């Protein structure tokens, strides 16, 4: 299924609908490409992309969300934790179709098992130049997922929402003039776009609990202590 069905959302997910993307953009920040790769040039790409925010579970107590670890051998965003997703192909009928296709390619997620609930307005990622539309969805028929394309994604896992909102797993990270929310999960550090989207989703839904956001940890040092194996210049 590739059509949106917000009325199909389970009761526990309904508070997650209607996120204000302007608040998400604030969390992600207006990070310049030059801040991370040492160049003053912006990447001119304007090709649309979509990511799948797949929620699973019967309630917030056992709710979880699907994430992937991008292979350290990838040329872009290597070693980062990300939602399944990617750029829109000419054959995709919609951005929902893009998110479902990419999720299938990366994790073998079967689209018939997924109910797309809502498409967020585009978020603009200045580090890549790509407008990205998150697609909120529910896994109404859970099955098996795994790294279906190891060269691109070498780990696929669900993170319990209770772990994401645990104050011990939340932090602020910074690099030069940029800073943003981050999470610890499975020995990884979730940061950047993915962390900003997660933080906005948790805050909007009312699932978040108070945590210490008064100090900013150095992003490089934090990543060195993680399983990410990210390559930062």
C-alpha atoms as a PDB file:
ATOM      1  CA  UNK A   1       0.000   0.000   0.000  1.00  0.00           C
ATOM      2  CA  UNK A   2       1.388   3.396  -0.963  1.00  0.00           C
ATOM      3  CA  UNK A   3      -1.498   5.764  -0.228  1.00  0.00           C
ATOM      4  CA  UNK A   4      -1.616   7.758   2.992  1.00  0.00           C
ATOM      5  CA  UNK A   5      -4.173   6.666   5.585  1.00  0.00           C
ATOM      6  CA  UNK A   6      -3.917   8.883   8.699  1.00  0.00           C
ATOM      7  CA  UNK A   7      -7.205   7.512  10.017  1.00  0.00           C
ATOM      8  CA  UNK A   8      -5.561   4.066  10.088  1.00  0.00           C
ATOM      9  CA  UNK A   9      -3.127   5.161  12.808  1.00  0.00           C
ATOM     10  CA  UNK A  10      -3.404   3.125  16.022  1.00  0.00           C
ATOM     11  CA  UNK A  11      -4.513   5.208  18.990  1.00  0.00           C
ATOM     12  CA  UNK A  12      -1.043   5.283  20.515  1.00  0.00           C
ATOM     13  CA  UNK A  13       0.467   6.722  17.311  1.00  0.00           C
ATOM     14  CA  UNK A  14      -2.193   9.382  16.714  1.00  0.00           C
ATOM     15  CA  UNK A  15      -0.422  11.969  18.957  1.00  0.00           C
ATOM     16  CA  UNK A  16       2.553  11.710  16.560  1.00  0.00           C
ATOM     17  CA  UNK A  17       0.541  13.070  13.627  1.00  0.00           C
ATOM     18  CA  UNK A  18       0.686  16.725  12.633  1.00  0.00           C
ATOM     19  CA  UNK A  19       4.305  17.602  13.361  1.00  0.00           C
ATOM     20  CA  UNK A  20       5.267  21.204  12.543  1.00  0.00           C
ATOM     21  CA  UNK A  21       8.237  20.811  10.200  1.00  0.00           C
ATOM     22  CA  UNK A  22       9.439  24.334  10.927  1.00  0.00           C
ATOM     23  CA  UNK A  23      10.238  23.128  14.438  1.00  0.00           C
ATOM     24  CA  UNK A  24      12.016  20.099  12.975  1.00  0.00           C
ATOM     25  CA  UNK A  25      14.114  22.382  10.776  1.00  0.00           C
ATOM     26  CA  UNK A  26      15.138  24.339  13.871  1.00  0.00           C
ATOM     27  CA  UNK A  27      16.321  21.126  15.533  1.00  0.00           C
ATOM     28  CA  UNK A  28      18.252  20.064  12.453  1.00  0.00           C
ATOM     29  CA  UNK A  29      19.661  23.541  12.054  1.00  0.00           C
ATOM     30  CA  UNK A  30      20.996  25.333   9.031  1.00  0.00           C
ATOM     31  CA  UNK A  31      24.236  23.383   8.978  1.00  0.00           C
ATOM     32  CA  UNK A  32      26.574  24.541   6.220  1.00  0.00           C
ATOM     33  CA  UNK A  33      28.323  21.946   4.107  1.00  0.00           C
ATOM     34  CA  UNK A  34      31.550  23.822   4.809  1.00  0.00           C
ATOM     35  CA  UNK A  35      31.260  23.057   8.510  1.00  0.00           C
ATOM     36  CA  UNK A  36      31.741  19.344   7.989  1.00  0.00           C
ATOM     37  CA  UNK A  37      33.701  18.882   4.796  1.00  0.00           C
ATOM     38  CA  UNK A  38      35.978  21.884   4.805  1.00  0.00           C
ATOM     39  CA  UNK A  39      34.680  23.440   1.597  1.00  0.00           C
ATOM     40  CA  UNK A  40      32.856  26.682   1.030  1.00  0.00           C
ATOM     41  CA  UNK A  41      30.765  25.274  -1.809  1.00  0.00           C
ATOM     42  CA  UNK A  42      27.203  24.037  -1.398  1.00  0.00           C
ATOM     43  CA  UNK A  43      26.211  20.850  -3.178  1.00  0.00           C
ATOM     44  CA  UNK A  44      23.810  22.004  -5.898  1.00  0.00           C
ATOM     45  CA  UNK A  45      21.708  18.818  -5.934  1.00  0.00           C
ATOM     46  CA  UNK A  46      17.960  19.408  -5.716  1.00  0.00           C
ATOM     47  CA  UNK A  47      16.682  15.884  -6.298  1.00  0.00           C
ATOM     48  CA  UNK A  48      13.820  14.912  -3.989  1.00  0.00           C
ATOM     49  CA  UNK A  49      14.302  12.220  -1.379  1.00  0.00           C
ATOM     50  CA  UNK A  50      12.148  10.443   1.200  1.00  0.00           C
ATOM     51  CA  UNK A  51      12.779   8.451   4.370  1.00  0.00           C
ATOM     52  CA  UNK A  52      10.518   5.981   6.161  1.00  0.00           C
ATOM     53  CA  UNK A  53       9.801   6.474   9.861  1.00  0.00           C
ATOM     54  CA  UNK A  54       8.358   3.029  10.599  1.00  0.00           C
ATOM     55  CA  UNK A  55       6.713   2.552  13.983  1.00  0.00           C
ATOM     56  CA  UNK A  56       5.965  -0.903  15.350  1.00  0.00           C
ATOM     57  CA  UNK A  57       4.183  -2.052  18.493  1.00  0.00           C
ATOM     58  CA  UNK A  58       0.861  -2.105  20.309  1.00  0.00           C
ATOM     59  CA  UNK A  59       1.467   0.905  22.559  1.00  0.00           C
ATOM     60  CA  UNK A  60       4.092   3.470  23.449  1.00  0.00           C
ATOM     61  CA  UNK A  61       5.299   1.037  26.117  1.00  0.00           C
ATOM     62  CA  UNK A  62       6.417  -1.507  23.518  1.00  0.00           C
ATOM     63  CA  UNK A  63       6.654   0.877  20.569  1.00  0.00           C
ATOM     64  CA  UNK A  64       9.821   0.935  18.487  1.00  0.00           C
ATOM     65  CA  UNK A  65      11.174   2.581  15.333  1.00  0.00           C
ATOM     66  CA  UNK A  66      13.246   1.189  12.471  1.00  0.00           C
ATOM     67  CA  UNK A  67      16.786   2.481  11.898  1.00  0.00           C
ATOM     68  CA  UNK A  68      19.750   1.478   9.771  1.00  0.00           C
ATOM     69  CA  UNK A  69      23.515   1.873   9.955  1.00  0.00           C
ATOM     70  CA  UNK A  70      25.032   3.068   6.703  1.00  0.00           C
ATOM     71  CA  UNK A  71      28.087   1.100   5.687  1.00  0.00           C
ATOM     72  CA  UNK A  72      31.377   2.908   6.462  1.00  0.00           C
ATOM     73  CA  UNK A  73      32.408   2.197   2.862  1.00  0.00           C
ATOM     74  CA  UNK A  74      29.675   4.443   1.457  1.00  0.00           C
ATOM     75  CA  UNK A  75      30.793   7.683  -0.191  1.00  0.00           C
ATOM     76  CA  UNK A  76      28.155   9.830   1.515  1.00  0.00           C
ATOM     77  CA  UNK A  77      26.892   9.746   5.111  1.00  0.00           C
ATOM     78  CA  UNK A  78      29.116   6.720   5.738  1.00  0.00           C
ATOM     79  CA  UNK A  79      28.768   5.195   9.192  1.00  0.00           C
ATOM     80  CA  UNK A  80      25.716   7.264  10.103  1.00  0.00           C
ATOM     81  CA  UNK A  81      22.499   5.991  11.641  1.00  0.00           C
ATOM     82  CA  UNK A  82      19.611   6.745   9.315  1.00  0.00           C
ATOM     83  CA  UNK A  83      16.020   5.967   8.483  1.00  0.00           C
ATOM     84  CA  UNK A  84      15.598   3.741   5.429  1.00  0.00           C
ATOM     85  CA  UNK A  85      15.249   5.983   2.420  1.00  0.00           C
ATOM     86  CA  UNK A  86      16.890   7.713  -0.483  1.00  0.00           C
ATOM     87  CA  UNK A  87      16.383   9.717  -3.635  1.00  0.00           C
ATOM     88  CA  UNK A  88      13.279   9.551  -5.740  1.00  0.00           C
ATOM     89  CA  UNK A  89      13.622   7.485  -8.910  1.00  0.00           C
ATOM     90  CA  UNK A  90      11.830   8.387 -12.158  1.00  0.00           C
ATOM     91  CA  UNK A  91       9.669   5.261 -11.803  1.00  0.00           C
ATOM     92  CA  UNK A  92       8.419   6.135  -8.314  1.00  0.00           C
ATOM     93  CA  UNK A  93       4.777   7.186  -8.304  1.00  0.00           C
ATOM     94  CA  UNK A  94       5.166   9.345  -5.186  1.00  0.00           C
ATOM     95  CA  UNK A  95       7.529  10.084  -2.329  1.00  0.00           C
ATOM     96  CA  UNK A  96       5.662   7.468  -0.279  1.00  0.00           C
ATOM     97  CA  UNK A  97       6.516   5.016  -3.043  1.00  0.00           C
ATOM     98  CA  UNK A  98      10.140   6.167  -2.845  1.00  0.00           C
ATOM     99  CA  UNK A  99      10.330   5.536   0.901  1.00  0.00           C
ATOM    100  CA  UNK A 100       8.744   2.094   0.622  1.00  0.00           C
ATOM    101  CA  UNK A 101      10.954   1.080  -2.309  1.00  0.00           C
ATOM    102  CA  UNK A 102      14.118   2.213  -0.568  1.00  0.00           C
ATOM    103  CA  UNK A 103      13.101   0.451   2.659  1.00  0.00           C
ATOM    104  CA  UNK A 104      12.543  -2.752   0.712  1.00  0.00           C
ATOM    105  CA  UNK A 105      15.907  -2.438  -1.029  1.00  0.00           C
ATOM    106  CA  UNK A 106      17.761  -1.743   2.214  1.00  0.00           C
ATOM    107  CA  UNK A 107      15.919  -3.968   4.716  1.00  0.00           C
ATOM    108  CA  UNK A 108      13.624  -6.303   2.711  1.00  0.00           C
ATOM    109  CA  UNK A 109      10.634  -4.587   4.336  1.00  0.00           C
ATOM    110  CA  UNK A 110       7.537  -5.788   2.494  1.00  0.00           C
ATOM    111  CA  UNK A 111       5.361  -2.851   1.477  1.00  0.00           C
ATOM    112  CA  UNK A 112       2.113  -4.789   1.927  1.00  0.00           C
ATOM    113  CA  UNK A 113       2.939  -4.994   5.644  1.00  0.00           C
ATOM    114  CA  UNK A 114       3.183  -1.205   6.025  1.00  0.00           C
ATOM    115  CA  UNK A 115       0.461   1.429   6.422  1.00  0.00           C
ATOM    116  CA  UNK A 116       1.735   4.907   5.434  1.00  0.00           C
ATOM    117  CA  UNK A 117       0.101   7.440   7.753  1.00  0.00           C
ATOM    118  CA  UNK A 118       1.455  10.875   6.989  1.00  0.00           C
ATOM    119  CA  UNK A 119       3.908  12.662   4.720  1.00  0.00           C
ATOM    120  CA  UNK A 120       5.799  15.544   6.307  1.00  0.00           C
ATOM    121  CA  UNK A 121       6.535  18.648   4.321  1.00  0.00           C
ATOM    122  CA  UNK A 122      10.021  18.777   2.887  1.00  0.00           C
ATOM    123  CA  UNK A 123      12.982  19.407   5.124  1.00  0.00           C
ATOM    124  CA  UNK A 124      15.971  21.066   3.500  1.00  0.00           C
ATOM    125  CA  UNK A 125      19.373  19.602   4.302  1.00  0.00           C
ATOM    126  CA  UNK A 126      22.010  22.155   3.425  1.00  0.00           C
ATOM    127  CA  UNK A 127      24.824  19.641   3.834  1.00  0.00           C
ATOM    128  CA  UNK A 128      23.518  17.719   0.802  1.00  0.00           C
ATOM    129  CA  UNK A 129      21.229  20.166  -0.957  1.00  0.00           C
ATOM    130  CA  UNK A 130      18.455  17.560  -1.029  1.00  0.00           C
ATOM    131  CA  UNK A 131      14.870  18.222   0.088  1.00  0.00           C
ATOM    132  CA  UNK A 132      13.799  15.226   2.182  1.00  0.00           C
ATOM    133  CA  UNK A 133      10.224  14.213   3.038  1.00  0.00           C
ATOM    134  CA  UNK A 134       9.831  11.918   6.070  1.00  0.00           C
ATOM    135  CA  UNK A 135       6.980   9.398   5.758  1.00  0.00           C
ATOM    136  CA  UNK A 136       5.426   8.297   9.058  1.00  0.00           C
ATOM    137  CA  UNK A 137       4.128   4.728   8.867  1.00  0.00           C
ATOM    138  CA  UNK A 138       2.902   1.813  10.976  1.00  0.00           C
ATOM    139  CA  UNK A 139       4.059  -1.775  10.612  1.00  0.00           C
ATOM    140  CA  UNK A 140       0.633  -3.402  10.834  1.00  0.00           C
ATOM    141  CA  UNK A 141       1.941  -6.835   9.844  1.00  0.00           C
ATOM    142  CA  UNK A 142       5.413  -7.266  11.375  1.00  0.00           C
ATOM    143  CA  UNK A 143       7.812  -9.660   9.711  1.00  0.00           C
ATOM    144  CA  UNK A 144      11.563  -9.903   9.251  1.00  0.00           C
ATOM    145  CA  UNK A 145      13.978  -7.163   8.285  1.00  0.00           C
ATOM    146  CA  UNK A 146      17.712  -7.433   7.733  1.00  0.00           C
ATOM    147  CA  UNK A 147      20.576  -5.727   5.831  1.00  0.00           C
ATOM    148  CA  UNK A 148      19.342  -6.603   2.341  1.00  0.00           C
ATOM    149  CA  UNK A 149      22.013  -4.433   0.703  1.00  0.00           C
ATOM    150  CA  UNK A 150      25.101  -4.796   2.947  1.00  0.00           C
ATOM    151  CA  UNK A 151      27.240  -2.551   0.742  1.00  0.00           C
ATOM    152  CA  UNK A 152      24.872   0.290   1.575  1.00  0.00           C
ATOM    153  CA  UNK A 153      23.406  -0.701   4.950  1.00  0.00           C
ATOM    154  CA  UNK A 154      25.260  -3.123   7.199  1.00  0.00           C
ATOM    155  CA  UNK A 155      22.917  -3.105  10.207  1.00  0.00           C
ATOM    156  CA  UNK A 156      19.130  -2.904  10.536  1.00  0.00           C
ATOM    157  CA  UNK A 157      17.437  -2.701  13.916  1.00  0.00           C
ATOM    158  CA  UNK A 158      14.442  -1.418  15.872  1.00  0.00           C
ATOM    159  CA  UNK A 159      15.029   0.936  18.798  1.00  0.00           C
ATOM    160  CA  UNK A 160      12.382   0.938  21.563  1.00  0.00           C
ATOM    161  CA  UNK A 161      10.858   4.360  22.111  1.00  0.00           C
ATOM    162  CA  UNK A 162      11.377   3.868  25.849  1.00  0.00           C
ATOM    163  CA  UNK A 163      15.123   3.673  25.195  1.00  0.00           C
ATOM    164  CA  UNK A 164      15.110   6.790  23.031  1.00  0.00           C
ATOM    165  CA  UNK A 165      13.327   8.862  25.692  1.00  0.00           C
ATOM    166  CA  UNK A 166      15.533   7.562  28.509  1.00  0.00           C
ATOM    167  CA  UNK A 167      17.470  10.638  29.719  1.00  0.00           C
ATOM    168  CA  UNK A 168      20.634   8.508  29.868  1.00  0.00           C
ATOM    169  CA  UNK A 169      20.418   8.050  26.094  1.00  0.00           C
ATOM    170  CA  UNK A 170      19.878  11.693  25.157  1.00  0.00           C
ATOM    171  CA  UNK A 171      22.569  14.315  24.596  1.00  0.00           C
ATOM    172  CA  UNK A 172      23.508  17.444  22.692  1.00  0.00           C
ATOM    173  CA  UNK A 173      26.474  17.301  20.338  1.00  0.00           C
ATOM    174  CA  UNK A 174      28.300  20.076  18.556  1.00  0.00           C
ATOM    175  CA  UNK A 175      30.850  20.639  15.815  1.00  0.00           C
ATOM    176  CA  UNK A 176      32.244  24.125  15.172  1.00  0.00           C
ATOM    177  CA  UNK A 177      29.208  26.436  14.939  1.00  0.00           C
ATOM    178  CA  UNK A 178      26.625  23.653  14.702  1.00  0.00           C
ATOM    179  CA  UNK A 179      24.920  21.783  17.522  1.00  0.00           C
ATOM    180  CA  UNK A 180      21.906  19.506  17.742  1.00  0.00           C
ATOM    181  CA  UNK A 181      20.195  16.666  19.605  1.00  0.00           C
ATOM    182  CA  UNK A 182      21.593  13.152  19.610  1.00  0.00           C
ATOM    183  CA  UNK A 183      20.807   9.724  21.024  1.00  0.00           C
ATOM    184  CA  UNK A 184      22.708   6.640  22.134  1.00  0.00           C
ATOM    185  CA  UNK A 185      21.309   3.372  20.716  1.00  0.00           C
ATOM    186  CA  UNK A 186      22.880  -0.085  20.376  1.00  0.00           C
ATOM    187  CA  UNK A 187      26.334   1.368  20.870  1.00  0.00           C
ATOM    188  CA  UNK A 188      25.755   3.886  18.064  1.00  0.00           C
ATOM    189  CA  UNK A 189      25.287   7.642  18.187  1.00  0.00           C
ATOM    190  CA  UNK A 190      22.284   8.998  16.292  1.00  0.00           C
ATOM    191  CA  UNK A 191      22.803  12.623  15.298  1.00  0.00           C
ATOM    192  CA  UNK A 192      22.143  15.148  12.523  1.00  0.00           C
ATOM    193  CA  UNK A 193      19.016  14.835  10.398  1.00  0.00           C
ATOM    194  CA  UNK A 194      17.855  11.542  11.902  1.00  0.00           C
ATOM    195  CA  UNK A 195      18.235  12.737  15.482  1.00  0.00           C
ATOM    196  CA  UNK A 196      16.472  16.018  14.716  1.00  0.00           C
ATOM    197  CA  UNK A 197      13.502  14.195  13.220  1.00  0.00           C
ATOM    198  CA  UNK A 198      13.368  11.756  16.134  1.00  0.00           C
ATOM    199  CA  UNK A 199      13.566  14.544  18.708  1.00  0.00           C
ATOM    200  CA  UNK A 200      10.755  16.450  16.996  1.00  0.00           C
ATOM    201  CA  UNK A 201       8.609  13.323  16.779  1.00  0.00           C
ATOM    202  CA  UNK A 202       9.105  12.517  20.466  1.00  0.00           C
ATOM    203  CA  UNK A 203       8.466  16.092  21.585  1.00  0.00           C
ATOM    204  CA  UNK A 204       5.369  16.592  19.430  1.00  0.00           C
ATOM    205  CA  UNK A 205       3.803  13.291  20.495  1.00  0.00           C
ATOM    206  CA  UNK A 206       4.323  14.036  24.178  1.00  0.00           C
ATOM    207  CA  UNK A 207       6.478  10.956  24.651  1.00  0.00           C
ATOM    208  CA  UNK A 208       9.604  12.848  25.725  1.00  0.00           C
ATOM    209  CA  UNK A 209      10.624  13.177  29.352  1.00  0.00           C
ATOM    210  CA  UNK A 210      12.961  15.810  30.850  1.00  0.00           C
ATOM    211  CA  UNK A 211      16.674  15.260  30.168  1.00  0.00           C
ATOM    212  CA  UNK A 212      19.911  17.166  30.637  1.00  0.00           C
ATOM    213  CA  UNK A 213      20.326  19.423  27.628  1.00  0.00           C
ATOM    214  CA  UNK A 214      22.501  22.012  29.338  1.00  0.00           C
ATOM    215  CA  UNK A 215      25.857  20.815  28.045  1.00  0.00           C
ATOM    216  CA  UNK A 216      27.141  20.161  24.525  1.00  0.00           C
ATOM    217  CA  UNK A 217      29.499  17.241  23.850  1.00  0.00           C
ATOM    218  CA  UNK A 218      32.070  17.379  21.082  1.00  0.00           C
ATOM    219  CA  UNK A 219      30.691  15.452  18.110  1.00  0.00           C
ATOM    220  CA  UNK A 220      34.058  14.052  17.006  1.00  0.00           C
ATOM    221  CA  UNK A 221      34.953  12.741  20.457  1.00  0.00           C
ATOM    222  CA  UNK A 222      31.482  11.275  20.920  1.00  0.00           C
ATOM    223  CA  UNK A 223      31.617   9.447  17.592  1.00  0.00           C
ATOM    224  CA  UNK A 224      35.071   8.043  18.332  1.00  0.00           C
ATOM    225  CA  UNK A 225      33.588   6.242  21.347  1.00  0.00           C
ATOM    226  CA  UNK A 226      30.729   4.763  19.301  1.00  0.00           C
ATOM    227  CA  UNK A 227      30.241   1.900  16.829  1.00  0.00           C
ATOM    228  CA  UNK A 228      29.447   4.333  14.012  1.00  0.00           C
ATOM    229  CA  UNK A 229      32.888   4.179  12.387  1.00  0.00           C
ATOM    230  CA  UNK A 230      32.178   7.485  10.690  1.00  0.00           C
ATOM    231  CA  UNK A 231      34.800   9.246   8.618  1.00  0.00           C
ATOM    232  CA  UNK A 232      34.880  12.955   9.348  1.00  0.00           C
ATOM    233  CA  UNK A 233      37.373  15.302   7.748  1.00  0.00           C
END
